[in-house]
Amino acid sequence: MKPDKAVVIVLVALSVGFAGGFLSRPIISPAPTADRITVAAPARLTSNEPRGTQYFVAHVDEAQRVVAGCRDGSVRGGECTTAEEAIIKIDAEERRRKFLGN
């Protein structure tokens, strides 16, 4: 047998082996089904972490309530600063729109 012929035989054998493994993979180890996959519940509903600035930008009325509560002392914590930052961002955006005429 010539060396070139041996190389071809080895390459063909490897190709057949890889193809056989690739094709038999779903039979040997099937993909997980939907009943095995668990999805965690949203942590935001039970979390005590302060809401972010993006939340308050989307919910302006809530941000104004939180800032008013911070001023009279009924609300404390990180939400005071994030709500105030959101209101500042919203005011700046309104001023920019008025200035540029948009």
PDB file of N, CA and C in Angstrom:
ATOM      1  N   MET A   1       0.839  -1.166   0.000  1.00  0.00           N
ATOM      2  CA  MET A   1       0.000   0.000   0.000  1.00  0.00           C
ATOM      3  C   MET A   1       0.888   1.234   0.000  1.00  0.00           C
ATOM      4  N   LYS A   2       0.584   2.180  -0.837  1.00  0.00           N
ATOM      5  CA  LYS A   2       1.365   3.394  -0.929  1.00  0.00           C
ATOM      6  C   LYS A   2       0.982   4.336   0.218  1.00  0.00           C
ATOM      7  N   PRO A   3       1.886   5.233   0.627  1.00  0.00           N
ATOM      8  CA  PRO A   3       1.580   6.169   1.718  1.00  0.00           C
ATOM      9  C   PRO A   3       0.406   7.092   1.377  1.00  0.00           C
ATOM     10  N   ASP A   4       0.254   7.465   0.131  1.00  0.00           N
ATOM     11  CA  ASP A   4      -0.858   8.341  -0.243  1.00  0.00           C
ATOM     12  C   ASP A   4      -2.194   7.630  -0.051  1.00  0.00           C
ATOM     13  N   LYS A   5      -2.217   6.354  -0.374  1.00  0.00           N
ATOM     14  CA  LYS A   5      -3.438   5.567  -0.231  1.00  0.00           C
ATOM     15  C   LYS A   5      -3.804   5.418   1.244  1.00  0.00           C
ATOM     16  N   ALA A   6      -2.836   5.286   2.128  1.00  0.00           N
ATOM     17  CA  ALA A   6      -3.084   5.157   3.562  1.00  0.00           C
ATOM     18  C   ALA A   6      -3.685   6.446   4.132  1.00  0.00           C
ATOM     19  N   VAL A   7      -3.187   7.573   3.668  1.00  0.00           N
ATOM     20  CA  VAL A   7      -3.707   8.865   4.135  1.00  0.00           C
ATOM     21  C   VAL A   7      -5.169   9.016   3.725  1.00  0.00           C
ATOM     22  N   VAL A   8      -5.486   8.627   2.514  1.00  0.00           N
ATOM     23  CA  VAL A   8      -6.869   8.719   2.036  1.00  0.00           C
ATOM     24  C   VAL A   8      -7.770   7.811   2.858  1.00  0.00           C
ATOM     25  N   ILE A   9      -7.332   6.601   3.146  1.00  0.00           N
ATOM     26  CA  ILE A   9      -8.135   5.663   3.940  1.00  0.00           C
ATOM     27  C   ILE A   9      -8.367   6.209   5.341  1.00  0.00           C
ATOM     28  N   VAL A  10      -7.352   6.787   5.964  1.00  0.00           N
ATOM     29  CA  VAL A  10      -7.500   7.360   7.309  1.00  0.00           C
ATOM     30  C   VAL A  10      -8.481   8.532   7.288  1.00  0.00           C
ATOM     31  N   LEU A  11      -8.372   9.391   6.305  1.00  0.00           N
ATOM     32  CA  LEU A  11      -9.285  10.533   6.208  1.00  0.00           C
ATOM     33  C   LEU A  11     -10.726  10.092   5.985  1.00  0.00           C
ATOM     34  N   VAL A  12     -10.927   9.076   5.150  1.00  0.00           N
ATOM     35  CA  VAL A  12     -12.274   8.561   4.915  1.00  0.00           C
ATOM     36  C   VAL A  12     -12.832   7.950   6.200  1.00  0.00           C
ATOM     37  N   ALA A  13     -12.002   7.192   6.922  1.00  0.00           N
ATOM     38  CA  ALA A  13     -12.456   6.571   8.168  1.00  0.00           C
ATOM     39  C   ALA A  13     -12.833   7.631   9.198  1.00  0.00           C
ATOM     40  N   LEU A  14     -12.025   8.675   9.319  1.00  0.00           N
ATOM     41  CA  LEU A  14     -12.354   9.760  10.247  1.00  0.00           C
ATOM     42  C   LEU A  14     -13.638  10.470   9.845  1.00  0.00           C
ATOM     43  N   SER A  15     -13.810  10.720   8.571  1.00  0.00           N
ATOM     44  CA  SER A  15     -15.019  11.391   8.091  1.00  0.00           C
ATOM     45  C   SER A  15     -16.260  10.566   8.386  1.00  0.00           C
ATOM     46  N   VAL A  16     -16.186   9.263   8.130  1.00  0.00           N
ATOM     47  CA  VAL A  16     -17.315   8.377   8.404  1.00  0.00           C
ATOM     48  C   VAL A  16     -17.607   8.355   9.902  1.00  0.00           C
ATOM     49  N   GLY A  17     -16.564   8.316  10.717  1.00  0.00           N
ATOM     50  CA  GLY A  17     -16.751   8.299  12.168  1.00  0.00           C
ATOM     51  C   GLY A  17     -17.403   9.573  12.676  1.00  0.00           C
ATOM     52  N   PHE A  18     -16.915  10.729  12.215  1.00  0.00           N
ATOM     53  CA  PHE A  18     -17.506  11.995  12.638  1.00  0.00           C
ATOM     54  C   PHE A  18     -18.946  12.128  12.170  1.00  0.00           C
ATOM     55  N   ALA A  19     -19.212  11.726  10.937  1.00  0.00           N
ATOM     56  CA  ALA A  19     -20.574  11.801  10.404  1.00  0.00           C
ATOM     57  C   ALA A  19     -21.498  10.880  11.185  1.00  0.00           C
ATOM     58  N   GLY A  20     -21.025   9.675  11.503  1.00  0.00           N
ATOM     59  CA  GLY A  20     -21.850   8.748  12.284  1.00  0.00           C
ATOM     60  C   GLY A  20     -22.142   9.280  13.671  1.00  0.00           C
ATOM     61  N   GLY A  21     -21.151   9.877  14.315  1.00  0.00           N
ATOM     62  CA  GLY A  21     -21.371  10.466  15.630  1.00  0.00           C
ATOM     63  C   GLY A  21     -22.314  11.655  15.586  1.00  0.00           C
ATOM     64  N   PHE A  22     -22.166  12.467  14.563  1.00  0.00           N
ATOM     65  CA  PHE A  22     -23.031  13.631  14.413  1.00  0.00           C
ATOM     66  C   PHE A  22     -24.477  13.220  14.180  1.00  0.00           C
ATOM     67  N   LEU A  23     -24.678  12.184  13.352  1.00  0.00           N
ATOM     68  CA  LEU A  23     -26.035  11.741  13.046  1.00  0.00           C
ATOM     69  C   LEU A  23     -26.671  10.958  14.194  1.00  0.00           C
ATOM     70  N   SER A  24     -25.873  10.269  14.993  1.00  0.00           N
ATOM     71  CA  SER A  24     -26.446   9.483  16.087  1.00  0.00           C
ATOM     72  C   SER A  24     -26.545  10.263  17.397  1.00  0.00           C
ATOM     73  N   ARG A  25     -26.090  11.494  17.441  1.00  0.00           N
ATOM     74  CA  ARG A  25     -26.145  12.288  18.662  1.00  0.00           C
ATOM     75  C   ARG A  25     -27.561  12.483  19.189  1.00  0.00           C
ATOM     76  N   PRO A  26     -28.554  12.812  18.349  1.00  0.00           N
ATOM     77  CA  PRO A  26     -29.918  12.961  18.879  1.00  0.00           C
ATOM     78  C   PRO A  26     -30.473  11.663  19.473  1.00  0.00           C
ATOM     79  N   ILE A  27     -30.005  10.538  19.006  1.00  0.00           N
ATOM     80  CA  ILE A  27     -30.486   9.256  19.529  1.00  0.00           C
ATOM     81  C   ILE A  27     -29.804   8.947  20.861  1.00  0.00           C
ATOM     82  N   ILE A  28     -28.507   9.196  20.929  1.00  0.00           N
ATOM     83  CA  ILE A  28     -27.745   8.889  22.140  1.00  0.00           C
ATOM     84  C   ILE A  28     -28.075   9.862  23.263  1.00  0.00           C
ATOM     85  N   SER A  29     -28.094  11.134  22.973  1.00  0.00           N
ATOM     86  CA  SER A  29     -28.344  12.163  23.982  1.00  0.00           C
ATOM     87  C   SER A  29     -29.361  13.155  23.430  1.00  0.00           C
ATOM     88  N   PRO A  30     -30.657  12.904  23.629  1.00  0.00           N
ATOM     89  CA  PRO A  30     -31.672  13.795  23.061  1.00  0.00           C
ATOM     90  C   PRO A  30     -31.622  15.184  23.688  1.00  0.00           C
ATOM     91  N   ALA A  31     -32.058  16.168  22.940  1.00  0.00           N
ATOM     92  CA  ALA A  31     -32.100  17.550  23.424  1.00  0.00           C
ATOM     93  C   ALA A  31     -33.108  17.659  24.562  1.00  0.00           C
ATOM     94  N   PRO A  32     -32.885  18.556  25.512  1.00  0.00           N
ATOM     95  CA  PRO A  32     -33.821  18.710  26.625  1.00  0.00           C
ATOM     96  C   PRO A  32     -35.180  19.194  26.126  1.00  0.00           C
ATOM     97  N   THR A  33     -36.220  18.691  26.738  1.00  0.00           N
ATOM     98  CA  THR A  33     -37.568  19.094  26.355  1.00  0.00           C
ATOM     99  C   THR A  33     -38.029  20.231  27.248  1.00  0.00           C
ATOM    100  N   ALA A  34     -39.152  20.823  26.900  1.00  0.00           N
ATOM    101  CA  ALA A  34     -39.654  21.993  27.616  1.00  0.00           C
ATOM    102  C   ALA A  34     -40.034  21.663  29.058  1.00  0.00           C
ATOM    103  N   ASP A  35     -40.426  20.421  29.343  1.00  0.00           N
ATOM    104  CA  ASP A  35     -40.836  20.099  30.705  1.00  0.00           C
ATOM    105  C   ASP A  35     -39.649  20.035  31.661  1.00  0.00           C
ATOM    106  N   ARG A  36     -38.434  19.905  31.157  1.00  0.00           N
ATOM    107  CA  ARG A  36     -37.250  19.869  32.020  1.00  0.00           C
ATOM    108  C   ARG A  36     -36.673  21.255  32.275  1.00  0.00           C
ATOM    109  N   ILE A  37     -36.948  22.195  31.403  1.00  0.00           N
ATOM    110  CA  ILE A  37     -36.379  23.527  31.528  1.00  0.00           C
ATOM    111  C   ILE A  37     -37.210  24.319  32.537  1.00  0.00           C
ATOM    112  N   THR A  38     -36.535  24.882  33.527  1.00  0.00           N
ATOM    113  CA  THR A  38     -37.222  25.701  34.522  1.00  0.00           C
ATOM    114  C   THR A  38     -36.837  27.157  34.310  1.00  0.00           C
ATOM    115  N   VAL A  39     -37.827  28.010  34.425  1.00  0.00           N
ATOM    116  CA  VAL A  39     -37.606  29.436  34.256  1.00  0.00           C
ATOM    117  C   VAL A  39     -37.842  30.105  35.602  1.00  0.00           C
ATOM    118  N   ALA A  40     -36.878  30.891  36.028  1.00  0.00           N
ATOM    119  CA  ALA A  40     -37.001  31.573  37.312  1.00  0.00           C
ATOM    120  C   ALA A  40     -38.012  32.708  37.207  1.00  0.00           C
ATOM    121  N   ALA A  41     -38.718  32.944  38.298  1.00  0.00           N
ATOM    122  CA  ALA A  41     -39.676  34.042  38.350  1.00  0.00           C
ATOM    123  C   ALA A  41     -38.913  35.367  38.368  1.00  0.00           C
ATOM    124  N   PRO A  42     -39.518  36.425  37.878  1.00  0.00           N
ATOM    125  CA  PRO A  42     -38.838  37.723  37.896  1.00  0.00           C
ATOM    126  C   PRO A  42     -38.502  38.142  39.326  1.00  0.00           C
ATOM    127  N   ALA A  43     -37.267  38.535  39.524  1.00  0.00           N
ATOM    128  CA  ALA A  43     -36.820  38.910  40.862  1.00  0.00           C
ATOM    129  C   ALA A  43     -37.314  40.291  41.267  1.00  0.00           C
ATOM    130  N   ARG A  44     -37.717  41.107  40.314  1.00  0.00           N
ATOM    131  CA  ARG A  44     -38.128  42.472  40.606  1.00  0.00           C
ATOM    132  C   ARG A  44     -39.370  42.505  41.513  1.00  0.00           C
ATOM    133  N   LEU A  45     -40.246  41.514  41.405  1.00  0.00           N
ATOM    134  CA  LEU A  45     -41.480  41.537  42.180  1.00  0.00           C
ATOM    135  C   LEU A  45     -41.240  41.365  43.672  1.00  0.00           C
ATOM    136  N   THR A  46     -40.231  40.623  44.057  1.00  0.00           N
ATOM    137  CA  THR A  46     -39.983  40.365  45.463  1.00  0.00           C
ATOM    138  C   THR A  46     -38.728  41.054  45.968  1.00  0.00           C
ATOM    139  N   SER A  47     -38.053  41.807  45.125  1.00  0.00           N
ATOM    140  CA  SER A  47     -36.786  42.408  45.500  1.00  0.00           C
ATOM    141  C   SER A  47     -37.002  43.697  46.280  1.00  0.00           C
ATOM    142  N   ASN A  48     -36.116  43.947  47.231  1.00  0.00           N
ATOM    143  CA  ASN A  48     -36.166  45.186  47.998  1.00  0.00           C
ATOM    144  C   ASN A  48     -35.169  46.208  47.494  1.00  0.00           C
ATOM    145  N   GLU A  49     -34.558  45.928  46.353  1.00  0.00           N
ATOM    146  CA  GLU A  49     -33.595  46.848  45.784  1.00  0.00           C
ATOM    147  C   GLU A  49     -34.324  48.072  45.220  1.00  0.00           C
ATOM    148  N   PRO A  50     -33.681  49.243  45.271  1.00  0.00           N
ATOM    149  CA  PRO A  50     -34.328  50.435  44.707  1.00  0.00           C
ATOM    150  C   PRO A  50     -34.461  50.332  43.199  1.00  0.00           C
ATOM    151  N   ARG A  51     -35.538  50.895  42.695  1.00  0.00           N
ATOM    152  CA  ARG A  51     -35.758  50.900  41.245  1.00  0.00           C
ATOM    153  C   ARG A  51     -34.773  51.854  40.596  1.00  0.00           C
ATOM    154  N   GLY A  52     -34.416  51.558  39.364  1.00  0.00           N
ATOM    155  CA  GLY A  52     -33.393  52.329  38.665  1.00  0.00           C
ATOM    156  C   GLY A  52     -33.942  53.577  38.000  1.00  0.00           C
ATOM    157  N   THR A  53     -33.011  54.364  37.480  1.00  0.00           N
ATOM    158  CA  THR A  53     -33.372  55.615  36.812  1.00  0.00           C
ATOM    159  C   THR A  53     -34.206  55.349  35.568  1.00  0.00           C
ATOM    160  N   GLN A  54     -33.895  54.282  34.846  1.00  0.00           N
ATOM    161  CA  GLN A  54     -34.669  53.961  33.635  1.00  0.00           C
ATOM    162  C   GLN A  54     -36.133  53.697  33.965  1.00  0.00           C
ATOM    163  N   TYR A  55     -36.390  53.053  35.096  1.00  0.00           N
ATOM    164  CA  TYR A  55     -37.773  52.797  35.498  1.00  0.00           C
ATOM    165  C   TYR A  55     -38.501  54.113  35.723  1.00  0.00           C
ATOM    166  N   PHE A  56     -37.850  55.024  36.444  1.00  0.00           N
ATOM    167  CA  PHE A  56     -38.508  56.291  36.765  1.00  0.00           C
ATOM    168  C   PHE A  56     -38.639  57.188  35.550  1.00  0.00           C
ATOM    169  N   VAL A  57     -37.733  57.067  34.566  1.00  0.00           N
ATOM    170  CA  VAL A  57     -37.893  57.826  33.329  1.00  0.00           C
ATOM    171  C   VAL A  57     -39.136  57.344  32.588  1.00  0.00           C
ATOM    172  N   ALA A  58     -39.389  56.046  32.633  1.00  0.00           N
ATOM    173  CA  ALA A  58     -40.574  55.487  31.971  1.00  0.00           C
ATOM    174  C   ALA A  58     -41.848  55.747  32.766  1.00  0.00           C
ATOM    175  N   HIS A  59     -41.732  55.931  34.087  1.00  0.00           N
ATOM    176  CA  HIS A  59     -42.894  56.151  34.953  1.00  0.00           C
ATOM    177  C   HIS A  59     -42.708  57.476  35.700  1.00  0.00           C
ATOM    178  N   VAL A  60     -42.981  58.580  35.003  1.00  0.00           N
ATOM    179  CA  VAL A  60     -42.722  59.913  35.538  1.00  0.00           C
ATOM    180  C   VAL A  60     -43.586  60.203  36.751  1.00  0.00           C
ATOM    181  N   ASP A  61     -44.849  59.809  36.707  1.00  0.00           N
ATOM    182  CA  ASP A  61     -45.739  60.086  37.837  1.00  0.00           C
ATOM    183  C   ASP A  61     -45.254  59.395  39.109  1.00  0.00           C
ATOM    184  N   GLU A  62     -44.746  58.184  38.990  1.00  0.00           N
ATOM    185  CA  GLU A  62     -44.203  57.464  40.142  1.00  0.00           C
ATOM    186  C   GLU A  62     -42.949  58.168  40.667  1.00  0.00           C
ATOM    187  N   ALA A  63     -42.116  58.669  39.762  1.00  0.00           N
ATOM    188  CA  ALA A  63     -40.903  59.393  40.172  1.00  0.00           C
ATOM    189  C   ALA A  63     -41.275  60.654  40.938  1.00  0.00           C
ATOM    190  N   GLN A  64     -42.287  61.361  40.480  1.00  0.00           N
ATOM    191  CA  GLN A  64     -42.712  62.580  41.172  1.00  0.00           C
ATOM    192  C   GLN A  64     -43.276  62.260  42.557  1.00  0.00           C
ATOM    193  N   ARG A  65     -44.006  61.147  42.672  1.00  0.00           N
ATOM    194  CA  ARG A  65     -44.518  60.738  43.992  1.00  0.00           C
ATOM    195  C   ARG A  65     -43.376  60.389  44.945  1.00  0.00           C
ATOM    196  N   VAL A  66     -42.378  59.684  44.425  1.00  0.00           N
ATOM    197  CA  VAL A  66     -41.248  59.288  45.276  1.00  0.00           C
ATOM    198  C   VAL A  66     -40.465  60.514  45.728  1.00  0.00           C
ATOM    199  N   VAL A  67     -40.226  61.462  44.816  1.00  0.00           N
ATOM    200  CA  VAL A  67     -39.483  62.672  45.185  1.00  0.00           C
ATOM    201  C   VAL A  67     -40.273  63.478  46.217  1.00  0.00           C
ATOM    202  N   ALA A  68     -41.585  63.577  46.038  1.00  0.00           N
ATOM    203  CA  ALA A  68     -42.405  64.282  47.029  1.00  0.00           C
ATOM    204  C   ALA A  68     -42.345  63.571  48.378  1.00  0.00           C
ATOM    205  N   GLY A  69     -42.361  62.247  48.373  1.00  0.00           N
ATOM    206  CA  GLY A  69     -42.241  61.483  49.615  1.00  0.00           C
ATOM    207  C   GLY A  69     -40.877  61.654  50.256  1.00  0.00           C
ATOM    208  N   CYS A  70     -39.843  61.795  49.454  1.00  0.00           N
ATOM    209  CA  CYS A  70     -38.497  62.018  49.998  1.00  0.00           C
ATOM    210  C   CYS A  70     -38.403  63.387  50.661  1.00  0.00           C
ATOM    211  N   ARG A  71     -39.062  64.365  50.062  1.00  0.00           N
ATOM    212  CA  ARG A  71     -39.009  65.727  50.624  1.00  0.00           C
ATOM    213  C   ARG A  71     -39.742  65.812  51.958  1.00  0.00           C
ATOM    214  N   ASP A  72     -40.871  65.098  52.089  1.00  0.00           N
ATOM    215  CA  ASP A  72     -41.588  65.173  53.371  1.00  0.00           C
ATOM    216  C   ASP A  72     -41.143  64.093  54.357  1.00  0.00           C
ATOM    217  N   GLY A  73     -40.231  63.202  53.928  1.00  0.00           N
ATOM    218  CA  GLY A  73     -39.632  62.241  54.850  1.00  0.00           C
ATOM    219  C   GLY A  73     -40.314  60.885  54.908  1.00  0.00           C
ATOM    220  N   SER A  74     -41.335  60.647  54.107  1.00  0.00           N
ATOM    221  CA  SER A  74     -42.027  59.361  54.166  1.00  0.00           C
ATOM    222  C   SER A  74     -41.311  58.275  53.356  1.00  0.00           C
ATOM    223  N   VAL A  75     -40.449  58.670  52.416  1.00  0.00           N
ATOM    224  CA  VAL A  75     -39.699  57.713  51.608  1.00  0.00           C
ATOM    225  C   VAL A  75     -38.212  57.959  51.832  1.00  0.00           C
ATOM    226  N   ARG A  76     -37.455  56.873  52.031  1.00  0.00           N
ATOM    227  CA  ARG A  76     -36.010  56.983  52.227  1.00  0.00           C
ATOM    228  C   ARG A  76     -35.305  55.934  51.384  1.00  0.00           C
ATOM    229  N   GLY A  77     -34.024  56.106  51.220  1.00  0.00           N
ATOM    230  CA  GLY A  77     -33.233  55.092  50.532  1.00  0.00           C
ATOM    231  C   GLY A  77     -32.764  55.531  49.165  1.00  0.00           C
ATOM    232  N   GLY A  78     -32.348  54.533  48.388  1.00  0.00           N
ATOM    233  CA  GLY A  78     -31.761  54.780  47.079  1.00  0.00           C
ATOM    234  C   GLY A  78     -32.748  55.266  46.041  1.00  0.00           C
ATOM    235  N   GLU A  79     -34.032  55.029  46.253  1.00  0.00           N
ATOM    236  CA  GLU A  79     -35.014  55.467  45.264  1.00  0.00           C
ATOM    237  C   GLU A  79     -35.124  56.973  45.213  1.00  0.00           C
ATOM    238  N   CYS A  80     -34.798  57.646  46.301  1.00  0.00           N
ATOM    239  CA  CYS A  80     -34.857  59.114  46.297  1.00  0.00           C
ATOM    240  C   CYS A  80     -33.909  59.688  45.255  1.00  0.00           C
ATOM    241  N   THR A  81     -32.688  59.206  45.244  1.00  0.00           N
ATOM    242  CA  THR A  81     -31.713  59.749  44.297  1.00  0.00           C
ATOM    243  C   THR A  81     -32.023  59.340  42.864  1.00  0.00           C
ATOM    244  N   THR A  82     -32.440  58.082  42.669  1.00  0.00           N
ATOM    245  CA  THR A  82     -32.715  57.644  41.295  1.00  0.00           C
ATOM    246  C   THR A  82     -33.951  58.333  40.725  1.00  0.00           C
ATOM    247  N   ALA A  83     -34.964  58.552  41.559  1.00  0.00           N
ATOM    248  CA  ALA A  83     -36.158  59.247  41.085  1.00  0.00           C
ATOM    249  C   ALA A  83     -35.832  60.699  40.756  1.00  0.00           C
ATOM    250  N   GLU A  84     -35.021  61.337  41.593  1.00  0.00           N
ATOM    251  CA  GLU A  84     -34.643  62.722  41.324  1.00  0.00           C
ATOM    252  C   GLU A  84     -33.784  62.829  40.061  1.00  0.00           C
ATOM    253  N   GLU A  85     -32.876  61.885  39.852  1.00  0.00           N
ATOM    254  CA  GLU A  85     -32.071  61.868  38.622  1.00  0.00           C
ATOM    255  C   GLU A  85     -32.957  61.708  37.395  1.00  0.00           C
ATOM    256  N   ALA A  86     -33.976  60.856  37.507  1.00  0.00           N
ATOM    257  CA  ALA A  86     -34.886  60.643  36.380  1.00  0.00           C
ATOM    258  C   ALA A  86     -35.645  61.916  36.048  1.00  0.00           C
ATOM    259  N   ILE A  87     -36.086  62.634  37.060  1.00  0.00           N
ATOM    260  CA  ILE A  87     -36.819  63.882  36.819  1.00  0.00           C
ATOM    261  C   ILE A  87     -35.898  64.919  36.188  1.00  0.00           C
ATOM    262  N   ILE A  88     -34.635  64.959  36.639  1.00  0.00           N
ATOM    263  CA  ILE A  88     -33.669  65.883  36.042  1.00  0.00           C
ATOM    264  C   ILE A  88     -33.445  65.532  34.571  1.00  0.00           C
ATOM    265  N   LYS A  89     -33.324  64.251  34.254  1.00  0.00           N
ATOM    266  CA  LYS A  89     -33.140  63.832  32.863  1.00  0.00           C
ATOM    267  C   LYS A  89     -34.340  64.191  32.005  1.00  0.00           C
ATOM    268  N   ILE A  90     -35.531  63.992  32.542  1.00  0.00           N
ATOM    269  CA  ILE A  90     -36.754  64.308  31.789  1.00  0.00           C
ATOM    270  C   ILE A  90     -36.846  65.801  31.530  1.00  0.00           C
ATOM    271  N   ASP A  91     -36.545  66.628  32.566  1.00  0.00           N
ATOM    272  CA  ASP A  91     -36.568  68.086  32.391  1.00  0.00           C
ATOM    273  C   ASP A  91     -35.534  68.531  31.357  1.00  0.00           C
ATOM    274  N   ALA A  92     -34.349  67.942  31.410  1.00  0.00           N
ATOM    275  CA  ALA A  92     -33.308  68.302  30.444  1.00  0.00           C
ATOM    276  C   ALA A  92     -33.733  67.942  29.024  1.00  0.00           C
ATOM    277  N   GLU A  93     -34.372  66.793  28.872  1.00  0.00           N
ATOM    278  CA  GLU A  93     -34.850  66.381  27.539  1.00  0.00           C
ATOM    279  C   GLU A  93     -35.920  67.330  27.021  1.00  0.00           C
ATOM    280  N   GLU A  94     -36.831  67.780  27.899  1.00  0.00           N
ATOM    281  CA  GLU A  94     -37.876  68.721  27.486  1.00  0.00           C
ATOM    282  C   GLU A  94     -37.269  70.064  27.084  1.00  0.00           C
ATOM    283  N   ARG A  95     -36.289  70.521  27.863  1.00  0.00           N
ATOM    284  CA  ARG A  95     -35.632  71.786  27.536  1.00  0.00           C
ATOM    285  C   ARG A  95     -34.893  71.689  26.204  1.00  0.00           C
ATOM    286  N   ARG A  96     -34.238  70.553  25.974  1.00  0.00           N
ATOM    287  CA  ARG A  96     -33.529  70.369  24.716  1.00  0.00           C
ATOM    288  C   ARG A  96     -34.491  70.384  23.535  1.00  0.00           C
ATOM    289  N   ARG A  97     -35.619  69.729  23.699  1.00  0.00           N
ATOM    290  CA  ARG A  97     -36.617  69.710  22.608  1.00  0.00           C
ATOM    291  C   ARG A  97     -37.150  71.108  22.324  1.00  0.00           C
ATOM    292  N   LYS A  98     -37.411  71.883  23.398  1.00  0.00           N
ATOM    293  CA  LYS A  98     -37.908  73.253  23.198  1.00  0.00           C
ATOM    294  C   LYS A  98     -36.853  74.112  22.517  1.00  0.00           C
ATOM    295  N   PHE A  99     -35.597  73.950  22.925  1.00  0.00           N
ATOM    296  CA  PHE A  99     -34.515  74.743  22.367  1.00  0.00           C
ATOM    297  C   PHE A  99     -34.303  74.446  20.891  1.00  0.00           C
ATOM    298  N   LEU A 100     -34.343  73.149  20.540  1.00  0.00           N
ATOM    299  CA  LEU A 100     -34.112  72.749  19.155  1.00  0.00           C
ATOM    300  C   LEU A 100     -35.366  72.842  18.299  1.00  0.00           C
ATOM    301  N   GLY A 101     -36.515  73.047  18.927  1.00  0.00           N
ATOM    302  CA  GLY A 101     -37.756  73.184  18.186  1.00  0.00           C
ATOM    303  C   GLY A 101     -38.337  71.859  17.703  1.00  0.00           C
ATOM    304  N   ASN A 102     -38.037  70.783  18.388  1.00  0.00           N
ATOM    305  CA  ASN A 102     -38.569  69.455  17.992  1.00  0.00           C
ATOM    306  C   ASN A 102     -39.848  69.178  18.703  1.00  0.00           C
TER     307      ASN A 102
END
